[in-house]
Amino acid sequence: MMTPMTDEMMRSLIAQARDYSLVILHPGPKRHEPGADLVVWEHARRNLTMRAEGRLPIVCPVRDRSSVSGLYLFPGTPEDTAAIMNADPGVMRGVFTYEVHPCRGFPGDALP
């Protein structure tokens, strides 16, 4: 059974919401070229470094070989996030493309 969510509880939670940027990563035109896997490795190293530094709290690689390669949640504006993504080795080399969407989330949310 679900815990009841009152209007007051909802208002309190919504008031705590913060702005984030959601990145949807896609395979780029050079994803399957020779050497792309080494670029992906360095892309992953950069993501995990940002995660360890607290700059990229949510990193979700997508493993189904669909048109989505990953989902990320960055604190900050879409413009700041685009600047970070434009410096990504995979994006710079055409292995990945991305889109950024402004979104909101709740401080303290975490993956189980």
C-alpha atoms as a PDB file:
ATOM      1  CA  MET A   1       0.000   0.000   0.000  1.00  0.00           C
ATOM      2  CA  MET A   2       1.277   3.465  -0.899  1.00  0.00           C
ATOM      3  CA  THR A   3       1.819   6.115   1.768  1.00  0.00           C
ATOM      4  CA  PRO A   4      -0.779   8.878   1.412  1.00  0.00           C
ATOM      5  CA  MET A   5       0.634  12.146   0.032  1.00  0.00           C
ATOM      6  CA  THR A   6      -1.312  15.134   1.341  1.00  0.00           C
ATOM      7  CA  ASP A   7      -1.496  18.490  -0.410  1.00  0.00           C
ATOM      8  CA  GLU A   8       0.603  19.995   2.375  1.00  0.00           C
ATOM      9  CA  MET A   9       3.289  17.338   1.945  1.00  0.00           C
ATOM     10  CA  MET A  10       3.337  17.964  -1.797  1.00  0.00           C
ATOM     11  CA  ARG A  11       3.652  21.739  -1.355  1.00  0.00           C
ATOM     12  CA  SER A  12       6.535  21.267   1.064  1.00  0.00           C
ATOM     13  CA  LEU A  13       8.391  18.951  -1.305  1.00  0.00           C
ATOM     14  CA  ILE A  14       7.776  21.129  -4.353  1.00  0.00           C
ATOM     15  CA  ALA A  15       9.136  24.141  -2.470  1.00  0.00           C
ATOM     16  CA  GLN A  16      12.410  22.229  -1.975  1.00  0.00           C
ATOM     17  CA  ALA A  17      12.825  21.297  -5.649  1.00  0.00           C
ATOM     18  CA  ARG A  18      16.000  22.504  -7.348  1.00  0.00           C
ATOM     19  CA  ASP A  19      16.865  23.129 -10.966  1.00  0.00           C
ATOM     20  CA  TYR A  20      19.002  20.545 -12.737  1.00  0.00           C
ATOM     21  CA  SER A  21      19.932  19.696 -16.298  1.00  0.00           C
ATOM     22  CA  LEU A  22      19.129  16.304 -17.772  1.00  0.00           C
ATOM     23  CA  VAL A  23      21.488  15.110 -20.499  1.00  0.00           C
ATOM     24  CA  ILE A  24      20.438  12.439 -22.963  1.00  0.00           C
ATOM     25  CA  LEU A  25      23.512  11.011 -24.647  1.00  0.00           C
ATOM     26  CA  HIS A  26      23.243   9.444 -28.110  1.00  0.00           C
ATOM     27  CA  PRO A  27      25.662   7.493 -30.299  1.00  0.00           C
ATOM     28  CA  GLY A  28      27.361   9.885 -32.708  1.00  0.00           C
ATOM     29  CA  PRO A  29      28.348   9.390 -36.334  1.00  0.00           C
ATOM     30  CA  LYS A  30      31.760   7.992 -35.346  1.00  0.00           C
ATOM     31  CA  ARG A  31      30.569   5.623 -32.597  1.00  0.00           C
ATOM     32  CA  HIS A  32      31.487   2.466 -34.508  1.00  0.00           C
ATOM     33  CA  GLU A  33      34.698   3.651 -36.138  1.00  0.00           C
ATOM     34  CA  PRO A  34      38.028   2.050 -35.190  1.00  0.00           C
ATOM     35  CA  GLY A  35      39.352   3.517 -31.946  1.00  0.00           C
ATOM     36  CA  ALA A  36      35.930   4.646 -30.711  1.00  0.00           C
ATOM     37  CA  ASP A  37      36.040   2.256 -27.759  1.00  0.00           C
ATOM     38  CA  LEU A  38      39.181   3.983 -26.449  1.00  0.00           C
ATOM     39  CA  VAL A  39      37.383   7.321 -26.679  1.00  0.00           C
ATOM     40  CA  VAL A  40      34.416   5.827 -24.812  1.00  0.00           C
ATOM     41  CA  TRP A  41      36.810   4.654 -22.082  1.00  0.00           C
ATOM     42  CA  GLU A  42      38.177   8.190 -21.614  1.00  0.00           C
ATOM     43  CA  HIS A  43      34.631   9.586 -21.719  1.00  0.00           C
ATOM     44  CA  ALA A  44      33.701   7.164 -18.916  1.00  0.00           C
ATOM     45  CA  ARG A  45      36.821   8.107 -16.915  1.00  0.00           C
ATOM     46  CA  ARG A  46      35.811  11.781 -17.145  1.00  0.00           C
ATOM     47  CA  ASN A  47      32.242  11.019 -16.061  1.00  0.00           C
ATOM     48  CA  LEU A  48      33.362   8.960 -13.085  1.00  0.00           C
ATOM     49  CA  THR A  49      35.835  11.659 -12.085  1.00  0.00           C
ATOM     50  CA  MET A  50      33.066  14.286 -12.164  1.00  0.00           C
ATOM     51  CA  ARG A  51      30.881  11.895 -10.179  1.00  0.00           C
ATOM     52  CA  ALA A  52      33.595  11.438  -7.531  1.00  0.00           C
ATOM     53  CA  GLU A  53      33.981  15.227  -7.327  1.00  0.00           C
ATOM     54  CA  GLY A  54      30.218  15.698  -6.876  1.00  0.00           C
ATOM     55  CA  ARG A  55      29.841  17.575 -10.175  1.00  0.00           C
ATOM     56  CA  LEU A  56      27.778  14.818 -11.824  1.00  0.00           C
ATOM     57  CA  PRO A  57      25.556  13.159  -9.213  1.00  0.00           C
ATOM     58  CA  ILE A  58      23.707  10.774 -11.516  1.00  0.00           C
ATOM     59  CA  VAL A  59      25.435   8.771 -14.282  1.00  0.00           C
ATOM     60  CA  CYS A  60      23.341   6.119 -16.029  1.00  0.00           C
ATOM     61  CA  PRO A  61      24.893   4.356 -19.015  1.00  0.00           C
ATOM     62  CA  VAL A  62      22.220   2.752 -21.203  1.00  0.00           C
ATOM     63  CA  ARG A  63      23.195  -0.740 -22.307  1.00  0.00           C
ATOM     64  CA  ASP A  64      20.508  -1.800 -24.783  1.00  0.00           C
ATOM     65  CA  ARG A  65      22.180  -0.489 -27.973  1.00  0.00           C
ATOM     66  CA  SER A  66      19.225   1.809 -28.607  1.00  0.00           C
ATOM     67  CA  SER A  67      19.437   5.418 -29.749  1.00  0.00           C
ATOM     68  CA  VAL A  68      20.227   6.415 -26.134  1.00  0.00           C
ATOM     69  CA  SER A  69      23.723   5.830 -24.763  1.00  0.00           C
ATOM     70  CA  GLY A  70      23.274   7.403 -21.350  1.00  0.00           C
ATOM     71  CA  LEU A  71      21.390   9.708 -19.017  1.00  0.00           C
ATOM     72  CA  TYR A  72      23.060  12.228 -16.721  1.00  0.00           C
ATOM     73  CA  LEU A  73      21.767  14.667 -14.170  1.00  0.00           C
ATOM     74  CA  PHE A  74      23.885  17.775 -13.607  1.00  0.00           C
ATOM     75  CA  PRO A  75      23.271  20.542 -11.104  1.00  0.00           C
ATOM     76  CA  GLY A  76      23.189  23.866 -12.916  1.00  0.00           C
ATOM     77  CA  THR A  77      21.837  25.483 -16.024  1.00  0.00           C
ATOM     78  CA  PRO A  78      21.511  23.911 -19.446  1.00  0.00           C
ATOM     79  CA  GLU A  79      24.105  26.424 -20.704  1.00  0.00           C
ATOM     80  CA  ASP A  80      26.658  25.399 -18.060  1.00  0.00           C
ATOM     81  CA  THR A  81      25.905  21.745 -18.746  1.00  0.00           C
ATOM     82  CA  ALA A  82      26.342  22.203 -22.500  1.00  0.00           C
ATOM     83  CA  ALA A  83      29.772  23.741 -21.876  1.00  0.00           C
ATOM     84  CA  ILE A  84      30.744  20.682 -19.822  1.00  0.00           C
ATOM     85  CA  MET A  85      29.409  18.305 -22.452  1.00  0.00           C
ATOM     86  CA  ASN A  86      31.106  20.153 -25.322  1.00  0.00           C
ATOM     87  CA  ALA A  87      34.455  19.422 -23.631  1.00  0.00           C
ATOM     88  CA  ASP A  88      33.693  15.683 -23.386  1.00  0.00           C
ATOM     89  CA  PRO A  89      36.185  13.638 -25.442  1.00  0.00           C
ATOM     90  CA  GLY A  90      33.411  11.509 -26.922  1.00  0.00           C
ATOM     91  CA  VAL A  91      31.409  14.540 -28.017  1.00  0.00           C
ATOM     92  CA  MET A  92      34.500  16.318 -29.341  1.00  0.00           C
ATOM     93  CA  ARG A  93      35.394  13.292 -31.490  1.00  0.00           C
ATOM     94  CA  GLY A  94      31.885  12.611 -32.805  1.00  0.00           C
ATOM     95  CA  VAL A  95      31.469   9.364 -30.866  1.00  0.00           C
ATOM     96  CA  PHE A  96      28.522  10.870 -28.997  1.00  0.00           C
ATOM     97  CA  THR A  97      25.957  13.608 -29.444  1.00  0.00           C
ATOM     98  CA  TYR A  98      23.723  14.905 -26.686  1.00  0.00           C
ATOM     99  CA  GLU A  99      20.695  16.951 -25.823  1.00  0.00           C
ATOM    100  CA  VAL A 100      20.149  18.952 -22.625  1.00  0.00           C
ATOM    101  CA  HIS A 101      16.811  19.558 -20.936  1.00  0.00           C
ATOM    102  CA  PRO A 102      16.109  21.729 -17.890  1.00  0.00           C
ATOM    103  CA  CYS A 103      14.404  19.753 -15.164  1.00  0.00           C
ATOM    104  CA  ARG A 104      13.704  19.855 -11.455  1.00  0.00           C
ATOM    105  CA  GLY A 105      14.564  17.406  -8.733  1.00  0.00           C
ATOM    106  CA  PHE A 106      14.484  17.045  -5.017  1.00  0.00           C
ATOM    107  CA  PRO A 107      17.630  17.364  -2.887  1.00  0.00           C
ATOM    108  CA  GLY A 108      18.462  14.075  -1.254  1.00  0.00           C
ATOM    109  CA  ASP A 109      17.088  11.913  -4.059  1.00  0.00           C
ATOM    110  CA  ALA A 110      19.380   8.957  -4.654  1.00  0.00           C
ATOM    111  CA  LEU A 111      19.428   5.696  -6.490  1.00  0.00           C
ATOM    112  CA  PRO A 112      18.538   2.741  -4.260  1.00  0.00           C
END
